[in-house]
C-alpha cells in the first residue's frame, strides 16, 4: 500500500491575495490516485486520509476560484463543473456534498464584498445546488450504464434543462431578468461537458 503523499498546502491568511500557485497546489492534491480497497469492510486509514484531502481541496477550490477570480465566466464554469464531476468519480456522497455548494457561496461572497451584488443569484441558488446534484448523480449512478461519456451527456443535458426551465419560470413570474436565461441554458451545458472532458481526459492520459 502506498503511503500518503505530503504536499505543502499554504492556506492564505485574511487579506492575502490568492494566487494561481495556491490553486496549483490544490490540483497536486487532486492528482493523487483515489483508491477504494476494502478488506474487512473498513476503509484503510491512508485511503480515508486521501478522501478527506481531496474533498477539502475540491471544496476549497470550488469556493476560491469564483470568489477570487470570477472571470472569465466560461473558464470558472468549466473548472467548477470539473470539480463536481471529479467528486462524483472519486468521493463518497457524504464527502462530496460540500463541493456542490461552495461555488455558489463563492459567487455570493464575491458580490457581497466586492460588488456588483445582485439579489437574482440568491433566487437561483437552491436550484443551482439541485442542478449540481443532478450532474453529480448522473456521473455517479450505475443506472445510466457504465459509459462515462453517456453519463456526462445525460447529466449535462439534465442540469442545463432543469436550470433553464427554472429560470424561465422565474422570468415569466417577473422575478428574474431575461439576461439570466442564456446563462442557465446552453452555457450550463457547455461548461458541464467541457469540465467532464477535462476530468475524463486527464484520467485517460494518466492511465496511459
N, C-alpha and C. Protein backbone atom coordinates (compact mmCIF):
# COMPACT_ATOMS: atom_id res chain seq x y z
N UNK A 1 0.86 -1.20 0.00
CA UNK A 1 0.00 0.00 0.00
C UNK A 1 0.88 1.23 0.00
N UNK A 2 0.59 2.17 -0.89
CA UNK A 2 1.37 3.38 -0.96
C UNK A 2 1.02 4.28 0.18
N UNK A 3 2.02 5.00 0.71
CA UNK A 3 1.77 5.91 1.80
C UNK A 3 1.15 7.21 1.32
N UNK A 4 0.80 8.04 2.27
CA UNK A 4 0.19 9.32 1.95
C UNK A 4 1.27 10.27 1.46
N UNK A 5 0.99 10.99 0.38
CA UNK A 5 1.92 11.96 -0.15
C UNK A 5 1.75 13.27 0.61
N UNK A 6 2.82 13.76 1.21
CA UNK A 6 2.75 15.01 1.95
C UNK A 6 3.02 16.17 1.00
N UNK A 7 2.03 17.02 0.80
CA UNK A 7 2.15 18.13 -0.12
C UNK A 7 2.01 19.43 0.65
N UNK A 8 2.99 20.35 0.53
CA UNK A 8 2.85 21.63 1.21
C UNK A 8 1.67 22.40 0.64
N UNK A 9 0.72 22.75 1.49
CA UNK A 9 -0.50 23.40 1.02
C UNK A 9 -0.69 24.64 1.86
N UNK A 10 -0.25 25.80 1.34
CA UNK A 10 -0.29 27.05 2.10
C UNK A 10 -1.69 27.64 2.07
N UNK A 11 -2.29 27.80 3.24
CA UNK A 11 -3.62 28.39 3.34
C UNK A 11 -3.47 29.91 3.44
N UNK A 12 -4.05 30.67 2.49
CA UNK A 12 -3.94 32.12 2.55
C UNK A 12 -4.59 32.67 3.81
N UNK A 13 -3.93 33.64 4.44
CA UNK A 13 -4.50 34.28 5.60
C UNK A 13 -5.37 35.45 5.15
N UNK A 14 -6.12 35.98 6.06
CA UNK A 14 -7.05 37.05 5.72
C UNK A 14 -6.28 38.23 5.14
N UNK A 15 -6.74 38.75 4.02
CA UNK A 15 -6.10 39.89 3.37
C UNK A 15 -5.04 39.50 2.37
N UNK A 16 -4.61 38.26 2.37
CA UNK A 16 -3.58 37.81 1.44
C UNK A 16 -4.22 37.39 0.13
N UNK A 17 -3.67 37.86 -0.97
CA UNK A 17 -4.23 37.55 -2.28
C UNK A 17 -4.02 36.08 -2.61
N UNK A 18 -5.07 35.43 -3.10
CA UNK A 18 -4.98 34.04 -3.51
C UNK A 18 -4.35 33.97 -4.89
N UNK A 19 -3.29 33.22 -5.03
CA UNK A 19 -2.56 33.16 -6.29
C UNK A 19 -2.86 31.87 -7.03
N UNK A 20 -2.43 31.85 -8.31
CA UNK A 20 -2.58 30.63 -9.10
C UNK A 20 -1.71 29.51 -8.53
N UNK A 21 -0.60 29.89 -7.81
CA UNK A 21 0.23 28.85 -7.20
C UNK A 21 -0.56 28.09 -6.14
N UNK A 22 -1.43 28.79 -5.42
CA UNK A 22 -2.28 28.13 -4.42
C UNK A 22 -3.20 27.13 -5.10
N UNK A 23 -3.80 27.54 -6.22
CA UNK A 23 -4.69 26.64 -6.96
C UNK A 23 -3.89 25.46 -7.50
N UNK A 24 -2.67 25.70 -7.97
CA UNK A 24 -1.84 24.62 -8.48
C UNK A 24 -1.54 23.60 -7.38
N UNK A 25 -1.26 24.10 -6.16
CA UNK A 25 -1.04 23.18 -5.04
C UNK A 25 -2.28 22.33 -4.79
N UNK A 26 -3.45 22.92 -4.95
CA UNK A 26 -4.68 22.15 -4.79
C UNK A 26 -4.81 21.07 -5.82
N UNK A 27 -4.44 21.38 -7.06
CA UNK A 27 -4.53 20.38 -8.11
C UNK A 27 -3.52 19.25 -7.89
N UNK A 28 -2.39 19.55 -7.23
CA UNK A 28 -1.44 18.49 -6.93
C UNK A 28 -2.05 17.49 -5.96
N UNK A 29 -2.87 17.99 -5.05
CA UNK A 29 -3.58 17.08 -4.15
C UNK A 29 -4.57 16.25 -4.94
N UNK A 30 -5.28 16.89 -5.87
CA UNK A 30 -6.30 16.18 -6.64
C UNK A 30 -5.68 15.15 -7.56
N UNK A 31 -4.39 15.30 -7.91
CA UNK A 31 -3.76 14.36 -8.83
C UNK A 31 -3.41 13.04 -8.17
N UNK A 32 -3.52 12.98 -6.83
CA UNK A 32 -3.27 11.72 -6.15
C UNK A 32 -4.31 10.70 -6.56
N UNK A 33 -3.88 9.52 -6.85
CA UNK A 33 -4.80 8.47 -7.31
C UNK A 33 -5.73 8.06 -6.19
N UNK A 34 -7.03 8.04 -6.49
CA UNK A 34 -8.03 7.62 -5.50
C UNK A 34 -8.14 6.12 -5.48
N UNK A 35 -7.97 5.53 -4.31
CA UNK A 35 -8.05 4.09 -4.19
C UNK A 35 -9.18 3.74 -3.23
N UNK A 36 -9.97 2.75 -3.60
CA UNK A 36 -11.05 2.29 -2.74
C UNK A 36 -10.90 0.78 -2.57
N UNK A 37 -9.98 0.36 -1.70
CA UNK A 37 -9.74 -1.06 -1.48
C UNK A 37 -10.23 -1.41 -0.08
N UNK A 38 -11.16 -2.28 0.01
CA UNK A 38 -11.73 -2.67 1.29
C UNK A 38 -11.37 -4.13 1.56
N UNK A 39 -10.87 -4.41 2.75
CA UNK A 39 -10.52 -5.78 3.10
C UNK A 39 -11.54 -6.35 4.08
N UNK A 40 -11.62 -5.75 5.28
CA UNK A 40 -12.54 -6.26 6.30
C UNK A 40 -13.78 -5.39 6.40
N UNK A 41 -14.07 -4.61 5.34
CA UNK A 41 -15.25 -3.76 5.34
C UNK A 41 -14.97 -2.35 5.84
N UNK A 42 -13.75 -2.08 6.29
CA UNK A 42 -13.37 -0.76 6.77
C UNK A 42 -12.30 -0.18 5.87
N UNK A 43 -12.49 1.07 5.45
CA UNK A 43 -11.52 1.70 4.55
C UNK A 43 -10.18 1.84 5.25
N UNK A 44 -9.14 1.60 4.50
CA UNK A 44 -7.80 1.78 5.03
C UNK A 44 -7.59 3.23 5.45
N UNK A 45 -6.80 3.43 6.50
CA UNK A 45 -6.60 4.77 7.04
C UNK A 45 -6.03 5.70 5.99
N UNK A 46 -5.08 5.22 5.20
CA UNK A 46 -4.46 6.08 4.19
C UNK A 46 -5.48 6.49 3.13
N UNK A 47 -6.38 5.59 2.78
CA UNK A 47 -7.39 5.92 1.78
C UNK A 47 -8.34 6.97 2.34
N UNK A 48 -8.71 6.80 3.61
CA UNK A 48 -9.58 7.79 4.24
C UNK A 48 -8.93 9.17 4.26
N UNK A 49 -7.63 9.21 4.52
CA UNK A 49 -6.93 10.49 4.53
C UNK A 49 -6.94 11.13 3.15
N UNK A 50 -6.80 10.32 2.12
CA UNK A 50 -6.84 10.84 0.76
C UNK A 50 -8.23 11.36 0.42
N UNK A 51 -9.25 10.66 0.89
CA UNK A 51 -10.62 11.10 0.64
C UNK A 51 -10.85 12.46 1.29
N UNK A 52 -10.44 12.60 2.54
CA UNK A 52 -10.60 13.87 3.24
C UNK A 52 -9.82 14.98 2.54
N UNK A 53 -8.58 14.68 2.13
CA UNK A 53 -7.74 15.68 1.47
C UNK A 53 -8.36 16.14 0.16
N UNK A 54 -8.85 15.21 -0.62
CA UNK A 54 -9.43 15.58 -1.91
C UNK A 54 -10.75 16.32 -1.72
N UNK A 55 -11.58 15.88 -0.78
CA UNK A 55 -12.83 16.59 -0.53
C UNK A 55 -12.57 18.01 -0.08
N UNK A 56 -11.58 18.20 0.77
CA UNK A 56 -11.23 19.54 1.25
C UNK A 56 -10.72 20.40 0.11
N UNK A 57 -9.82 19.85 -0.72
CA UNK A 57 -9.24 20.62 -1.82
C UNK A 57 -10.29 21.01 -2.84
N UNK A 58 -11.16 20.08 -3.21
CA UNK A 58 -12.20 20.38 -4.18
C UNK A 58 -13.17 21.44 -3.66
N UNK A 59 -13.56 21.31 -2.40
CA UNK A 59 -14.49 22.28 -1.81
C UNK A 59 -13.85 23.66 -1.71
N UNK A 60 -12.59 23.69 -1.30
CA UNK A 60 -11.90 24.97 -1.14
C UNK A 60 -11.68 25.65 -2.48
N UNK A 61 -11.23 24.89 -3.47
CA UNK A 61 -11.03 25.47 -4.79
C UNK A 61 -12.36 25.89 -5.41
N UNK A 62 -13.40 25.09 -5.17
CA UNK A 62 -14.72 25.44 -5.69
C UNK A 62 -15.22 26.76 -5.15
N UNK A 63 -14.82 27.12 -3.93
CA UNK A 63 -15.20 28.41 -3.36
C UNK A 63 -14.27 29.52 -3.83
N UNK A 64 -12.96 29.27 -3.79
CA UNK A 64 -11.99 30.33 -4.01
C UNK A 64 -11.92 30.80 -5.46
N UNK A 65 -12.09 29.90 -6.41
CA UNK A 65 -11.97 30.32 -7.81
C UNK A 65 -13.08 31.31 -8.19
N UNK A 66 -14.37 31.02 -7.92
CA UNK A 66 -15.39 32.05 -8.19
C UNK A 66 -15.24 33.29 -7.32
N UNK A 67 -14.78 33.10 -6.09
CA UNK A 67 -14.66 34.23 -5.16
C UNK A 67 -13.50 35.15 -5.55
N UNK A 68 -12.38 34.58 -5.95
CA UNK A 68 -11.18 35.37 -6.20
C UNK A 68 -11.11 35.92 -7.61
N UNK A 69 -11.46 35.08 -8.59
CA UNK A 69 -11.28 35.48 -9.98
C UNK A 69 -12.61 35.91 -10.62
N UNK A 70 -13.60 35.05 -10.56
CA UNK A 70 -14.90 35.40 -11.11
C UNK A 70 -14.98 35.37 -12.62
N UNK A 71 -13.93 35.85 -13.29
CA UNK A 71 -13.89 35.91 -14.75
C UNK A 71 -12.58 35.30 -15.25
N UNK A 72 -12.57 34.81 -16.50
CA UNK A 72 -13.71 34.68 -17.41
C UNK A 72 -14.69 33.63 -16.92
N UNK A 73 -15.97 33.93 -17.05
CA UNK A 73 -17.00 33.04 -16.52
C UNK A 73 -16.97 31.67 -17.16
N UNK A 74 -16.58 31.62 -18.43
CA UNK A 74 -16.52 30.32 -19.11
C UNK A 74 -15.50 29.41 -18.44
N UNK A 75 -14.32 29.94 -18.17
CA UNK A 75 -13.27 29.14 -17.52
C UNK A 75 -13.68 28.75 -16.11
N UNK A 76 -14.24 29.70 -15.36
CA UNK A 76 -14.69 29.40 -14.00
C UNK A 76 -15.76 28.31 -14.02
N UNK A 77 -16.70 28.41 -14.96
CA UNK A 77 -17.76 27.41 -15.06
C UNK A 77 -17.22 26.03 -15.41
N UNK A 78 -16.24 25.97 -16.30
CA UNK A 78 -15.64 24.68 -16.66
C UNK A 78 -14.96 24.06 -15.44
N UNK A 79 -14.21 24.85 -14.70
CA UNK A 79 -13.49 24.33 -13.53
C UNK A 79 -14.46 23.87 -12.45
N UNK A 80 -15.50 24.64 -12.20
CA UNK A 80 -16.48 24.27 -11.17
C UNK A 80 -17.14 22.95 -11.53
N UNK A 81 -17.55 22.78 -12.78
CA UNK A 81 -18.17 21.52 -13.19
C UNK A 81 -17.16 20.38 -13.16
N UNK A 82 -15.91 20.67 -13.46
CA UNK A 82 -14.87 19.65 -13.38
C UNK A 82 -14.72 19.15 -11.94
N UNK A 83 -14.79 20.06 -10.97
CA UNK A 83 -14.69 19.66 -9.57
C UNK A 83 -15.86 18.76 -9.17
N UNK A 84 -17.06 19.11 -9.64
CA UNK A 84 -18.25 18.30 -9.32
C UNK A 84 -18.11 16.90 -9.92
N UNK A 85 -17.67 16.83 -11.15
CA UNK A 85 -17.53 15.53 -11.82
C UNK A 85 -16.42 14.72 -11.17
N UNK A 86 -15.32 15.37 -10.83
CA UNK A 86 -14.24 14.68 -10.13
C UNK A 86 -14.74 14.12 -8.80
N UNK A 87 -15.53 14.90 -8.09
CA UNK A 87 -16.08 14.43 -6.81
C UNK A 87 -16.97 13.22 -7.02
N UNK A 88 -17.76 13.22 -8.10
CA UNK A 88 -18.63 12.08 -8.37
C UNK A 88 -17.85 10.82 -8.64
N UNK A 89 -16.69 10.96 -9.25
CA UNK A 89 -15.89 9.79 -9.63
C UNK A 89 -15.01 9.27 -8.51
N UNK A 90 -14.71 10.09 -7.53
CA UNK A 90 -13.70 9.69 -6.54
C UNK A 90 -14.14 9.78 -5.09
N UNK A 91 -15.26 10.43 -4.80
CA UNK A 91 -15.63 10.65 -3.41
C UNK A 91 -16.97 10.02 -3.07
N UNK A 92 -17.12 9.53 -1.85
CA UNK A 92 -18.45 9.10 -1.39
C UNK A 92 -19.35 10.31 -1.25
N UNK A 93 -20.64 10.11 -1.33
CA UNK A 93 -21.58 11.22 -1.38
C UNK A 93 -21.48 12.13 -0.16
N UNK A 94 -21.30 11.57 1.03
CA UNK A 94 -21.27 12.41 2.22
C UNK A 94 -20.06 13.35 2.24
N UNK A 95 -18.99 12.99 1.51
CA UNK A 95 -17.82 13.87 1.42
C UNK A 95 -17.92 14.82 0.23
N UNK A 96 -18.72 14.47 -0.75
CA UNK A 96 -18.80 15.26 -1.98
C UNK A 96 -19.78 16.41 -1.90
N UNK A 97 -20.74 16.36 -0.98
CA UNK A 97 -21.80 17.37 -0.93
C UNK A 97 -21.28 18.81 -0.83
N UNK A 98 -20.25 19.10 -0.01
CA UNK A 98 -19.76 20.48 0.04
C UNK A 98 -19.27 21.00 -1.31
N UNK A 99 -18.77 20.10 -2.16
CA UNK A 99 -18.28 20.52 -3.48
C UNK A 99 -19.43 21.08 -4.33
N UNK A 100 -20.64 20.61 -4.08
CA UNK A 100 -21.80 21.07 -4.84
C UNK A 100 -22.26 22.46 -4.39
N UNK A 101 -21.95 22.81 -3.14
CA UNK A 101 -22.47 24.05 -2.56
C UNK A 101 -21.48 25.22 -2.63
N UNK A 102 -20.19 24.95 -2.47
CA UNK A 102 -19.22 26.04 -2.28
C UNK A 102 -19.07 26.98 -3.47
N UNK A 103 -19.19 26.53 -4.73
CA UNK A 103 -19.02 27.50 -5.82
C UNK A 103 -20.02 28.65 -5.78
N UNK A 104 -21.29 28.35 -5.53
CA UNK A 104 -22.30 29.40 -5.45
C UNK A 104 -22.06 30.31 -4.25
N UNK A 105 -21.61 29.73 -3.15
CA UNK A 105 -21.27 30.55 -1.99
C UNK A 105 -20.12 31.50 -2.31
N UNK A 106 -19.19 31.04 -3.14
CA UNK A 106 -18.09 31.90 -3.57
C UNK A 106 -18.58 33.07 -4.41
N UNK A 107 -19.53 32.80 -5.32
CA UNK A 107 -20.11 33.86 -6.14
C UNK A 107 -20.84 34.88 -5.27
N UNK A 108 -21.65 34.39 -4.33
CA UNK A 108 -22.40 35.29 -3.45
C UNK A 108 -21.45 36.13 -2.59
N UNK A 109 -20.42 35.51 -2.06
CA UNK A 109 -19.47 36.23 -1.20
C UNK A 109 -18.73 37.30 -1.99
N UNK A 110 -18.34 36.98 -3.22
CA UNK A 110 -17.65 37.96 -4.06
C UNK A 110 -18.56 39.17 -4.32
N UNK A 111 -19.83 38.91 -4.64
CA UNK A 111 -20.75 40.00 -4.90
C UNK A 111 -20.99 40.87 -3.68
N UNK A 112 -21.10 40.24 -2.50
CA UNK A 112 -21.35 40.99 -1.27
C UNK A 112 -20.16 41.85 -0.87
N UNK A 113 -18.95 41.31 -1.06
CA UNK A 113 -17.75 42.01 -0.60
C UNK A 113 -17.21 43.01 -1.62
N UNK A 114 -17.24 42.64 -2.89
CA UNK A 114 -16.58 43.45 -3.90
C UNK A 114 -17.55 44.05 -4.92
N UNK A 115 -18.79 43.53 -4.98
CA UNK A 115 -19.75 44.01 -5.95
C UNK A 115 -19.40 43.55 -7.36
N UNK A 116 -20.29 43.72 -8.33
CA UNK A 116 -21.66 44.16 -8.09
C UNK A 116 -22.51 43.03 -7.51
N UNK A 117 -23.28 43.36 -6.50
CA UNK A 117 -24.15 42.37 -5.87
C UNK A 117 -25.52 42.38 -6.54
N UNK A 118 -26.02 41.22 -6.87
CA UNK A 118 -27.35 41.12 -7.44
C UNK A 118 -28.17 40.11 -6.64
N UNK A 119 -29.38 40.49 -6.26
CA UNK A 119 -30.20 39.55 -5.48
C UNK A 119 -30.71 38.39 -6.33
N UNK A 120 -30.61 38.52 -7.66
CA UNK A 120 -31.17 37.48 -8.52
C UNK A 120 -30.46 36.14 -8.31
N UNK A 121 -29.15 36.19 -8.02
CA UNK A 121 -28.42 34.94 -7.84
C UNK A 121 -28.93 34.19 -6.61
N UNK A 122 -29.43 34.95 -5.62
CA UNK A 122 -29.99 34.30 -4.43
C UNK A 122 -31.23 33.49 -4.80
N UNK A 123 -32.05 34.02 -5.69
CA UNK A 123 -33.24 33.31 -6.10
C UNK A 123 -32.89 31.99 -6.78
N UNK A 124 -31.76 31.99 -7.51
CA UNK A 124 -31.37 30.80 -8.26
C UNK A 124 -30.51 29.83 -7.46
N UNK A 125 -29.98 30.28 -6.32
CA UNK A 125 -29.01 29.47 -5.58
C UNK A 125 -29.51 28.05 -5.25
N UNK A 126 -30.67 27.86 -4.65
CA UNK A 126 -31.09 26.49 -4.33
C UNK A 126 -31.27 25.64 -5.58
N UNK A 127 -31.68 26.26 -6.68
CA UNK A 127 -31.86 25.50 -7.92
C UNK A 127 -30.52 25.14 -8.56
N UNK A 128 -29.53 26.03 -8.40
CA UNK A 128 -28.18 25.72 -8.88
C UNK A 128 -27.62 24.54 -8.10
N UNK A 129 -27.85 24.52 -6.80
CA UNK A 129 -27.39 23.38 -5.99
C UNK A 129 -28.05 22.08 -6.46
N UNK A 130 -29.34 22.14 -6.75
CA UNK A 130 -30.02 20.95 -7.25
C UNK A 130 -29.45 20.54 -8.60
N UNK A 131 -29.21 21.52 -9.47
CA UNK A 131 -28.61 21.23 -10.77
C UNK A 131 -27.24 20.59 -10.65
N UNK A 132 -26.45 21.07 -9.71
CA UNK A 132 -25.14 20.46 -9.47
C UNK A 132 -25.29 19.01 -9.02
N UNK A 133 -26.29 18.77 -8.17
CA UNK A 133 -26.51 17.40 -7.71
C UNK A 133 -26.98 16.51 -8.84
N UNK A 134 -27.77 17.04 -9.76
CA UNK A 134 -28.22 16.26 -10.92
C UNK A 134 -27.01 15.79 -11.73
N UNK A 135 -26.08 16.70 -11.98
CA UNK A 135 -24.86 16.33 -12.72
C UNK A 135 -24.04 15.32 -11.93
N UNK A 136 -23.90 15.57 -10.63
CA UNK A 136 -23.16 14.65 -9.76
C UNK A 136 -23.78 13.26 -9.78
N UNK A 137 -25.11 13.19 -9.63
CA UNK A 137 -25.80 11.91 -9.60
C UNK A 137 -25.64 11.16 -10.92
N UNK A 138 -25.75 11.88 -12.03
CA UNK A 138 -25.63 11.24 -13.33
C UNK A 138 -24.26 10.59 -13.51
N UNK A 139 -23.21 11.27 -13.06
CA UNK A 139 -21.86 10.73 -13.21
C UNK A 139 -21.60 9.58 -12.25
N UNK A 140 -22.31 9.55 -11.14
CA UNK A 140 -22.05 8.52 -10.13
C UNK A 140 -22.96 7.31 -10.27
N UNK A 141 -24.13 7.50 -10.87
CA UNK A 141 -25.15 6.46 -10.90
C UNK A 141 -24.79 5.30 -11.82
N UNK A 142 -25.08 4.10 -11.35
CA UNK A 142 -24.93 2.91 -12.19
C UNK A 142 -26.16 2.67 -13.06
N UNK A 143 -27.24 3.38 -12.76
CA UNK A 143 -28.49 3.18 -13.50
C UNK A 143 -28.37 3.66 -14.95
N UNK A 144 -27.40 4.53 -15.21
CA UNK A 144 -27.24 5.08 -16.55
C UNK A 144 -26.21 4.31 -17.38
N UNK A 145 -25.76 3.17 -16.86
CA UNK A 145 -24.79 2.37 -17.58
C UNK A 145 -23.37 2.63 -17.11
N UNK A 146 -22.42 2.10 -17.86
CA UNK A 146 -21.02 2.21 -17.48
C UNK A 146 -20.25 3.26 -18.27
N UNK A 147 -20.82 3.75 -19.36
CA UNK A 147 -20.11 4.70 -20.21
C UNK A 147 -20.09 6.08 -19.56
N UNK A 148 -18.89 6.57 -19.26
CA UNK A 148 -18.76 7.90 -18.66
C UNK A 148 -19.21 8.98 -19.64
N UNK A 149 -18.98 8.75 -20.93
CA UNK A 149 -19.39 9.74 -21.94
C UNK A 149 -20.90 9.89 -21.99
N UNK A 150 -21.61 8.77 -21.93
CA UNK A 150 -23.08 8.82 -21.93
C UNK A 150 -23.59 9.48 -20.66
N UNK A 151 -22.99 9.12 -19.52
CA UNK A 151 -23.38 9.75 -18.26
C UNK A 151 -23.16 11.26 -18.30
N UNK A 152 -22.03 11.66 -18.89
CA UNK A 152 -21.73 13.09 -18.99
C UNK A 152 -22.75 13.80 -19.87
N UNK A 153 -23.10 13.20 -20.99
CA UNK A 153 -24.07 13.81 -21.90
C UNK A 153 -25.44 13.94 -21.22
N UNK A 154 -25.87 12.87 -20.55
CA UNK A 154 -27.18 12.90 -19.89
C UNK A 154 -27.17 13.90 -18.73
N UNK A 155 -26.13 13.85 -17.93
CA UNK A 155 -26.05 14.75 -16.78
C UNK A 155 -25.98 16.22 -17.19
N UNK A 156 -25.22 16.51 -18.24
CA UNK A 156 -25.09 17.89 -18.71
C UNK A 156 -26.42 18.40 -19.27
N UNK A 157 -27.08 17.56 -20.05
CA UNK A 157 -28.39 17.93 -20.60
C UNK A 157 -29.41 18.14 -19.49
N UNK A 158 -29.43 17.23 -18.53
CA UNK A 158 -30.41 17.30 -17.44
C UNK A 158 -30.18 18.55 -16.58
N UNK A 159 -28.92 18.83 -16.28
CA UNK A 159 -28.62 20.02 -15.47
C UNK A 159 -29.04 21.29 -16.20
N UNK A 160 -28.65 21.40 -17.46
CA UNK A 160 -28.98 22.59 -18.24
C UNK A 160 -30.50 22.74 -18.40
N UNK A 161 -31.19 21.64 -18.68
CA UNK A 161 -32.63 21.69 -18.88
C UNK A 161 -33.34 22.11 -17.59
N UNK A 162 -32.89 21.57 -16.46
CA UNK A 162 -33.51 21.92 -15.18
C UNK A 162 -33.31 23.39 -14.86
N UNK A 163 -32.06 23.87 -15.01
CA UNK A 163 -31.78 25.27 -14.65
C UNK A 163 -32.47 26.24 -15.61
N UNK A 164 -32.51 25.90 -16.89
CA UNK A 164 -33.17 26.79 -17.84
C UNK A 164 -34.68 26.84 -17.58
N UNK A 165 -35.26 25.68 -17.30
CA UNK A 165 -36.69 25.63 -17.02
C UNK A 165 -37.03 26.45 -15.78
N UNK A 166 -36.20 26.30 -14.76
CA UNK A 166 -36.42 27.05 -13.53
C UNK A 166 -36.29 28.55 -13.77
N UNK A 167 -35.22 28.94 -14.48
CA UNK A 167 -35.01 30.36 -14.78
C UNK A 167 -36.16 30.93 -15.62
N UNK A 168 -36.66 30.12 -16.54
CA UNK A 168 -37.75 30.59 -17.40
C UNK A 168 -39.03 30.82 -16.59
N UNK A 169 -39.31 29.92 -15.67
CA UNK A 169 -40.49 30.08 -14.81
C UNK A 169 -40.34 31.36 -13.98
N UNK A 170 -39.16 31.59 -13.41
CA UNK A 170 -38.94 32.79 -12.62
C UNK A 170 -38.99 34.05 -13.48
N UNK A 171 -38.55 33.91 -14.74
CA UNK A 171 -38.61 35.05 -15.66
C UNK A 171 -40.06 35.40 -15.99
N UNK A 172 -40.86 34.40 -16.27
CA UNK A 172 -42.27 34.66 -16.59
C UNK A 172 -43.03 35.21 -15.39
N UNK A 173 -42.51 34.94 -14.19
CA UNK A 173 -43.12 35.48 -12.97
C UNK A 173 -42.55 36.84 -12.60
N UNK A 174 -41.73 37.43 -13.51
CA UNK A 174 -41.11 38.74 -13.31
C UNK A 174 -40.20 38.77 -12.08
N UNK A 175 -39.56 37.62 -11.81
CA UNK A 175 -38.60 37.56 -10.70
C UNK A 175 -37.18 37.69 -11.22
N UNK A 176 -36.88 37.09 -12.36
CA UNK A 176 -35.56 37.16 -12.98
C UNK A 176 -35.63 37.95 -14.27
N UNK A 177 -34.55 38.69 -14.61
CA UNK A 177 -34.48 39.36 -15.91
C UNK A 177 -34.14 38.35 -17.01
N UNK A 178 -34.42 38.72 -18.24
CA UNK A 178 -34.21 37.81 -19.38
C UNK A 178 -32.75 37.43 -19.57
N UNK A 179 -31.82 38.29 -19.12
CA UNK A 179 -30.39 38.00 -19.35
C UNK A 179 -29.93 36.75 -18.62
N UNK A 180 -30.70 36.28 -17.64
CA UNK A 180 -30.33 35.05 -16.93
C UNK A 180 -30.59 33.80 -17.76
N UNK A 181 -31.46 33.88 -18.74
CA UNK A 181 -31.86 32.68 -19.47
C UNK A 181 -30.70 32.03 -20.23
N UNK A 182 -29.90 32.76 -21.02
CA UNK A 182 -28.77 32.10 -21.70
C UNK A 182 -27.77 31.51 -20.72
N UNK A 183 -27.54 32.20 -19.59
CA UNK A 183 -26.57 31.72 -18.61
C UNK A 183 -27.01 30.43 -17.95
N UNK A 184 -28.30 30.17 -17.95
CA UNK A 184 -28.81 28.96 -17.31
C UNK A 184 -29.18 27.87 -18.32
N UNK A 185 -28.86 28.08 -19.57
CA UNK A 185 -29.19 27.10 -20.60
C UNK A 185 -27.96 26.52 -21.28
N UNK A 186 -27.67 27.01 -22.47
CA UNK A 186 -26.56 26.50 -23.27
C UNK A 186 -25.24 26.62 -22.53
N UNK A 187 -25.07 27.74 -21.81
CA UNK A 187 -23.83 27.95 -21.06
C UNK A 187 -23.60 26.83 -20.06
N UNK A 188 -24.64 26.43 -19.34
CA UNK A 188 -24.52 25.36 -18.35
C UNK A 188 -24.17 24.03 -19.01
N UNK A 189 -24.79 23.76 -20.15
CA UNK A 189 -24.49 22.52 -20.87
C UNK A 189 -23.04 22.51 -21.34
N UNK A 190 -22.59 23.61 -21.93
CA UNK A 190 -21.24 23.67 -22.49
C UNK A 190 -20.17 23.54 -21.41
N UNK A 191 -20.35 24.23 -20.29
CA UNK A 191 -19.34 24.17 -19.24
C UNK A 191 -19.32 22.81 -18.55
N UNK A 192 -20.49 22.17 -18.44
CA UNK A 192 -20.52 20.83 -17.84
C UNK A 192 -19.81 19.82 -18.74
N UNK A 193 -20.09 19.87 -20.05
CA UNK A 193 -19.43 18.96 -20.98
C UNK A 193 -17.92 19.21 -21.00
N UNK A 194 -17.51 20.47 -21.04
CA UNK A 194 -16.08 20.79 -21.07
C UNK A 194 -15.40 20.35 -19.78
N UNK A 195 -16.07 20.55 -18.64
CA UNK A 195 -15.50 20.09 -17.37
C UNK A 195 -15.36 18.59 -17.33
N UNK A 196 -16.35 17.87 -17.88
CA UNK A 196 -16.25 16.41 -17.93
C UNK A 196 -15.14 15.94 -18.84
N UNK A 197 -14.99 16.59 -19.99
CA UNK A 197 -13.90 16.22 -20.90
C UNK A 197 -12.56 16.45 -20.23
N UNK A 198 -12.45 17.53 -19.47
CA UNK A 198 -11.20 17.82 -18.75
C UNK A 198 -10.86 16.72 -17.76
N UNK A 199 -11.84 16.31 -16.96
CA UNK A 199 -11.60 15.28 -15.94
C UNK A 199 -11.38 13.91 -16.57
N UNK A 200 -12.24 13.52 -17.49
CA UNK A 200 -12.12 12.21 -18.11
C UNK A 200 -10.88 12.13 -18.98
N UNK A 201 -10.54 13.21 -19.67
CA UNK A 201 -9.33 13.23 -20.48
C UNK A 201 -8.08 13.11 -19.64
N UNK A 202 -8.07 13.80 -18.49
CA UNK A 202 -6.92 13.70 -17.59
C UNK A 202 -6.77 12.28 -17.07
N UNK A 203 -7.90 11.67 -16.71
CA UNK A 203 -7.84 10.29 -16.21
C UNK A 203 -7.32 9.33 -17.27
N UNK A 204 -7.73 9.54 -18.53
CA UNK A 204 -7.29 8.64 -19.60
C UNK A 204 -5.80 8.81 -19.85
N UNK A 205 -5.32 10.05 -19.85
CA UNK A 205 -3.90 10.30 -20.06
C UNK A 205 -3.08 9.71 -18.92
N UNK A 206 -3.58 9.84 -17.70
CA UNK A 206 -2.86 9.34 -16.53
C UNK A 206 -2.73 7.82 -16.57
N UNK A 207 -3.79 7.13 -17.09
CA UNK A 207 -3.74 5.66 -17.15
C UNK A 207 -2.87 5.15 -18.28
N UNK A 208 -2.62 5.98 -19.28
CA UNK A 208 -1.86 5.53 -20.45
C UNK A 208 -0.36 5.52 -20.19
